[in-house]
Amino acid sequence: MFEAIIQGCSPHQRLILQALAKEPTGKILSSSYMQRHTLGSVGGVQYSVRQLSDMDLIERGEGKGPWHIVDPVFAMWIKRQAESRV
């Protein structure tokens, strides 16, 4: 099931999912976070975050809480997949 979800995401959306699986953040558009996870431009991140949010894959915590992957099991799966490729 998770593989099907990932296949439906763009390469950039996959990068954001990997970044959030490793490090949920309240400042996804900060230059240090984007550089640390090689996420590219602010506009690209904004677009992908909006798409992933619309797909209910990521959400922001209450108030101005951190962005995170909605399903914690999916987050663990993504993290393991990324680690096994390194």
N, C-alpha and C. Protein backbone atom coordinates (compact mmCIF):
# COMPACT_ATOMS: atom_id res chain seq x y z
N MET A 1 0.82 -1.18 0.00
CA MET A 1 0.00 0.00 0.00
C MET A 1 0.87 1.26 0.00
N PHE A 2 1.91 1.28 0.84
CA PHE A 2 2.78 2.45 0.90
C PHE A 2 3.52 2.67 -0.42
N GLU A 3 3.90 1.57 -1.04
CA GLU A 3 4.59 1.68 -2.34
C GLU A 3 3.68 2.36 -3.37
N ALA A 4 2.41 2.04 -3.37
CA ALA A 4 1.46 2.66 -4.30
C ALA A 4 1.33 4.15 -4.02
N ILE A 5 1.33 4.53 -2.77
CA ILE A 5 1.24 5.96 -2.41
C ILE A 5 2.47 6.69 -2.93
N ILE A 6 3.63 6.12 -2.69
CA ILE A 6 4.88 6.75 -3.13
C ILE A 6 4.93 6.87 -4.64
N GLN A 7 4.47 5.85 -5.34
CA GLN A 7 4.48 5.89 -6.81
C GLN A 7 3.60 7.00 -7.35
N GLY A 8 2.58 7.38 -6.59
CA GLY A 8 1.69 8.46 -7.00
C GLY A 8 2.23 9.85 -6.71
N CYS A 9 3.39 9.92 -6.09
CA CYS A 9 4.00 11.21 -5.74
C CYS A 9 5.10 11.57 -6.73
N SER A 10 5.28 12.86 -6.91
CA SER A 10 6.38 13.33 -7.76
C SER A 10 7.70 13.11 -7.03
N PRO A 11 8.81 13.13 -7.76
CA PRO A 11 10.12 13.00 -7.10
C PRO A 11 10.34 14.05 -6.01
N HIS A 12 9.89 15.28 -6.26
CA HIS A 12 10.06 16.34 -5.26
C HIS A 12 9.20 16.08 -4.03
N GLN A 13 8.00 15.58 -4.23
CA GLN A 13 7.14 15.24 -3.10
C GLN A 13 7.77 14.12 -2.28
N ARG A 14 8.42 13.18 -2.94
CA ARG A 14 9.10 12.10 -2.22
C ARG A 14 10.24 12.64 -1.36
N LEU A 15 10.97 13.63 -1.89
CA LEU A 15 12.04 14.25 -1.10
C LEU A 15 11.49 14.89 0.16
N ILE A 16 10.36 15.57 0.03
CA ILE A 16 9.75 16.23 1.18
C ILE A 16 9.27 15.18 2.18
N LEU A 17 8.67 14.12 1.71
CA LEU A 17 8.24 13.05 2.61
C LEU A 17 9.44 12.45 3.35
N GLN A 18 10.54 12.24 2.64
CA GLN A 18 11.74 11.71 3.29
C GLN A 18 12.27 12.67 4.34
N ALA A 19 12.28 13.96 4.01
CA ALA A 19 12.76 14.97 4.96
C ALA A 19 11.89 14.98 6.21
N LEU A 20 10.57 14.95 6.04
CA LEU A 20 9.67 15.00 7.18
C LEU A 20 9.69 13.70 7.97
N ALA A 21 9.96 12.58 7.32
CA ALA A 21 10.09 11.31 8.04
C ALA A 21 11.31 11.35 8.95
N LYS A 22 12.38 11.96 8.47
CA LYS A 22 13.61 12.06 9.25
C LYS A 22 13.53 13.15 10.30
N GLU A 23 12.89 14.27 9.92
CA GLU A 23 12.93 15.45 10.77
C GLU A 23 11.67 16.30 10.60
N PRO A 24 10.61 16.02 11.34
CA PRO A 24 9.44 16.90 11.29
C PRO A 24 9.87 18.31 11.69
N THR A 25 9.24 19.32 11.11
CA THR A 25 9.68 20.69 11.38
C THR A 25 8.54 21.68 11.29
N GLY A 26 8.63 22.72 12.06
CA GLY A 26 7.69 23.83 11.97
C GLY A 26 8.15 24.86 10.96
N LYS A 27 9.39 24.72 10.50
CA LYS A 27 9.97 25.70 9.58
C LYS A 27 10.45 25.01 8.31
N ILE A 28 9.50 24.45 7.59
CA ILE A 28 9.85 23.69 6.38
C ILE A 28 10.45 24.58 5.29
N LEU A 29 10.15 25.89 5.34
CA LEU A 29 10.66 26.82 4.33
C LEU A 29 11.95 27.52 4.77
N SER A 30 12.50 27.14 5.92
CA SER A 30 13.75 27.77 6.34
C SER A 30 14.87 27.30 5.41
N SER A 31 15.78 28.20 5.13
CA SER A 31 16.86 27.85 4.20
C SER A 31 17.72 26.72 4.74
N SER A 32 17.94 26.68 6.05
CA SER A 32 18.78 25.61 6.60
C SER A 32 18.11 24.25 6.45
N TYR A 33 16.80 24.17 6.69
CA TYR A 33 16.08 22.89 6.53
C TYR A 33 16.09 22.47 5.06
N MET A 34 15.79 23.42 4.18
CA MET A 34 15.74 23.10 2.75
C MET A 34 17.11 22.65 2.25
N GLN A 35 18.18 23.29 2.69
CA GLN A 35 19.52 22.90 2.28
C GLN A 35 19.91 21.55 2.86
N ARG A 36 19.60 21.34 4.14
CA ARG A 36 19.96 20.09 4.81
C ARG A 36 19.33 18.88 4.11
N HIS A 37 18.14 19.09 3.55
CA HIS A 37 17.42 17.98 2.91
C HIS A 37 17.38 18.12 1.39
N THR A 38 18.14 19.05 0.84
CA THR A 38 18.23 19.29 -0.61
C THR A 38 16.85 19.38 -1.26
N LEU A 39 16.03 20.32 -0.77
CA LEU A 39 14.65 20.41 -1.24
C LEU A 39 14.44 21.40 -2.39
N GLY A 40 15.46 22.16 -2.75
CA GLY A 40 15.31 23.06 -3.88
C GLY A 40 14.74 24.41 -3.48
N SER A 41 13.93 24.97 -4.36
CA SER A 41 13.43 26.34 -4.19
C SER A 41 12.25 26.42 -3.23
N VAL A 42 12.06 27.60 -2.68
CA VAL A 42 10.93 27.85 -1.78
C VAL A 42 9.61 27.61 -2.51
N GLY A 43 9.51 28.10 -3.73
CA GLY A 43 8.27 27.91 -4.50
C GLY A 43 7.96 26.45 -4.74
N GLY A 44 8.98 25.67 -5.05
CA GLY A 44 8.78 24.24 -5.27
C GLY A 44 8.34 23.53 -4.01
N VAL A 45 8.93 23.91 -2.87
CA VAL A 45 8.57 23.30 -1.59
C VAL A 45 7.13 23.68 -1.24
N GLN A 46 6.78 24.96 -1.42
CA GLN A 46 5.41 25.40 -1.13
C GLN A 46 4.40 24.61 -1.95
N TYR A 47 4.67 24.44 -3.23
CA TYR A 47 3.76 23.72 -4.11
C TYR A 47 3.61 22.26 -3.67
N SER A 48 4.75 21.60 -3.43
CA SER A 48 4.71 20.19 -3.04
C SER A 48 4.05 19.99 -1.68
N VAL A 49 4.32 20.88 -0.74
CA VAL A 49 3.69 20.79 0.58
C VAL A 49 2.18 20.93 0.44
N ARG A 50 1.74 21.87 -0.37
CA ARG A 50 0.30 22.06 -0.58
C ARG A 50 -0.32 20.80 -1.19
N GLN A 51 0.36 20.21 -2.17
CA GLN A 51 -0.15 18.99 -2.80
C GLN A 51 -0.20 17.82 -1.81
N LEU A 52 0.85 17.64 -1.06
CA LEU A 52 0.90 16.54 -0.07
C LEU A 52 -0.15 16.74 1.03
N SER A 53 -0.36 17.98 1.39
CA SER A 53 -1.39 18.29 2.39
C SER A 53 -2.78 18.00 1.83
N ASP A 54 -3.01 18.38 0.58
CA ASP A 54 -4.30 18.11 -0.06
C ASP A 54 -4.56 16.61 -0.18
N MET A 55 -3.49 15.83 -0.32
CA MET A 55 -3.61 14.37 -0.42
C MET A 55 -3.71 13.73 0.97
N ASP A 56 -3.71 14.56 2.01
CA ASP A 56 -3.77 14.10 3.42
C ASP A 56 -2.60 13.20 3.79
N LEU A 57 -1.44 13.44 3.21
CA LEU A 57 -0.25 12.69 3.57
C LEU A 57 0.55 13.40 4.65
N ILE A 58 0.51 14.74 4.65
CA ILE A 58 1.19 15.51 5.67
C ILE A 58 0.22 16.52 6.26
N GLU A 59 0.55 16.99 7.46
CA GLU A 59 -0.26 18.03 8.10
C GLU A 59 0.63 18.80 9.05
N ARG A 60 0.12 19.97 9.41
CA ARG A 60 0.82 20.79 10.39
C ARG A 60 0.17 20.58 11.74
N GLY A 61 0.98 20.49 12.77
CA GLY A 61 0.46 20.34 14.12
C GLY A 61 -0.39 21.53 14.52
N GLU A 62 -1.12 21.39 15.59
CA GLU A 62 -2.00 22.47 16.05
C GLU A 62 -1.22 23.75 16.27
N GLY A 63 -1.91 24.86 16.04
CA GLY A 63 -1.24 26.15 16.12
C GLY A 63 -0.23 26.25 15.00
N LYS A 64 0.98 26.48 15.36
CA LYS A 64 2.07 26.50 14.37
C LYS A 64 3.02 25.35 14.64
N GLY A 65 2.43 24.21 14.98
CA GLY A 65 3.21 23.02 15.27
C GLY A 65 3.97 22.53 14.06
N PRO A 66 4.77 21.50 14.24
CA PRO A 66 5.60 21.01 13.14
C PRO A 66 4.81 20.30 12.04
N TRP A 67 5.30 20.44 10.82
CA TRP A 67 4.80 19.63 9.71
C TRP A 67 5.27 18.21 9.96
N HIS A 68 4.39 17.25 9.71
CA HIS A 68 4.75 15.85 9.89
C HIS A 68 3.89 14.99 8.98
N ILE A 69 4.31 13.75 8.81
CA ILE A 69 3.54 12.78 8.03
C ILE A 69 2.39 12.30 8.90
N VAL A 70 1.19 12.29 8.34
CA VAL A 70 -0.01 11.96 9.10
C VAL A 70 0.06 10.56 9.71
N ASP A 71 0.43 9.58 8.94
CA ASP A 71 0.48 8.19 9.39
C ASP A 71 1.88 7.87 9.91
N PRO A 72 2.04 7.65 11.22
CA PRO A 72 3.37 7.39 11.76
C PRO A 72 4.01 6.10 11.22
N VAL A 73 3.20 5.13 10.86
CA VAL A 73 3.75 3.89 10.28
C VAL A 73 4.30 4.18 8.88
N PHE A 74 3.61 5.00 8.12
CA PHE A 74 4.09 5.43 6.79
C PHE A 74 5.40 6.19 6.95
N ALA A 75 5.48 7.06 7.95
CA ALA A 75 6.71 7.82 8.20
C ALA A 75 7.88 6.88 8.49
N MET A 76 7.65 5.87 9.33
CA MET A 76 8.71 4.90 9.64
C MET A 76 9.12 4.13 8.39
N TRP A 77 8.14 3.76 7.56
CA TRP A 77 8.42 3.02 6.34
C TRP A 77 9.28 3.86 5.39
N ILE A 78 8.92 5.13 5.24
CA ILE A 78 9.69 6.03 4.36
C ILE A 78 11.12 6.16 4.88
N LYS A 79 11.26 6.36 6.17
CA LYS A 79 12.58 6.51 6.77
C LYS A 79 13.43 5.27 6.53
N ARG A 80 12.85 4.10 6.70
CA ARG A 80 13.59 2.85 6.47
C ARG A 80 13.95 2.69 5.01
N GLN A 81 13.04 3.05 4.12
CA GLN A 81 13.33 2.96 2.68
C GLN A 81 14.50 3.87 2.32
N ALA A 82 14.49 5.08 2.85
CA ALA A 82 15.56 6.03 2.55
C ALA A 82 16.90 5.54 3.11
N GLU A 83 16.88 4.99 4.31
CA GLU A 83 18.11 4.49 4.93
C GLU A 83 18.67 3.27 4.20
N SER A 84 17.79 2.45 3.66
CA SER A 84 18.27 1.25 2.96
C SER A 84 18.88 1.59 1.60
N ARG A 85 18.59 2.77 1.08
CA ARG A 85 19.17 3.18 -0.22
C ARG A 85 20.53 3.80 -0.05
N VAL A 86 20.87 4.18 1.17
CA VAL A 86 22.16 4.87 1.41
C VAL A 86 23.25 3.88 1.60
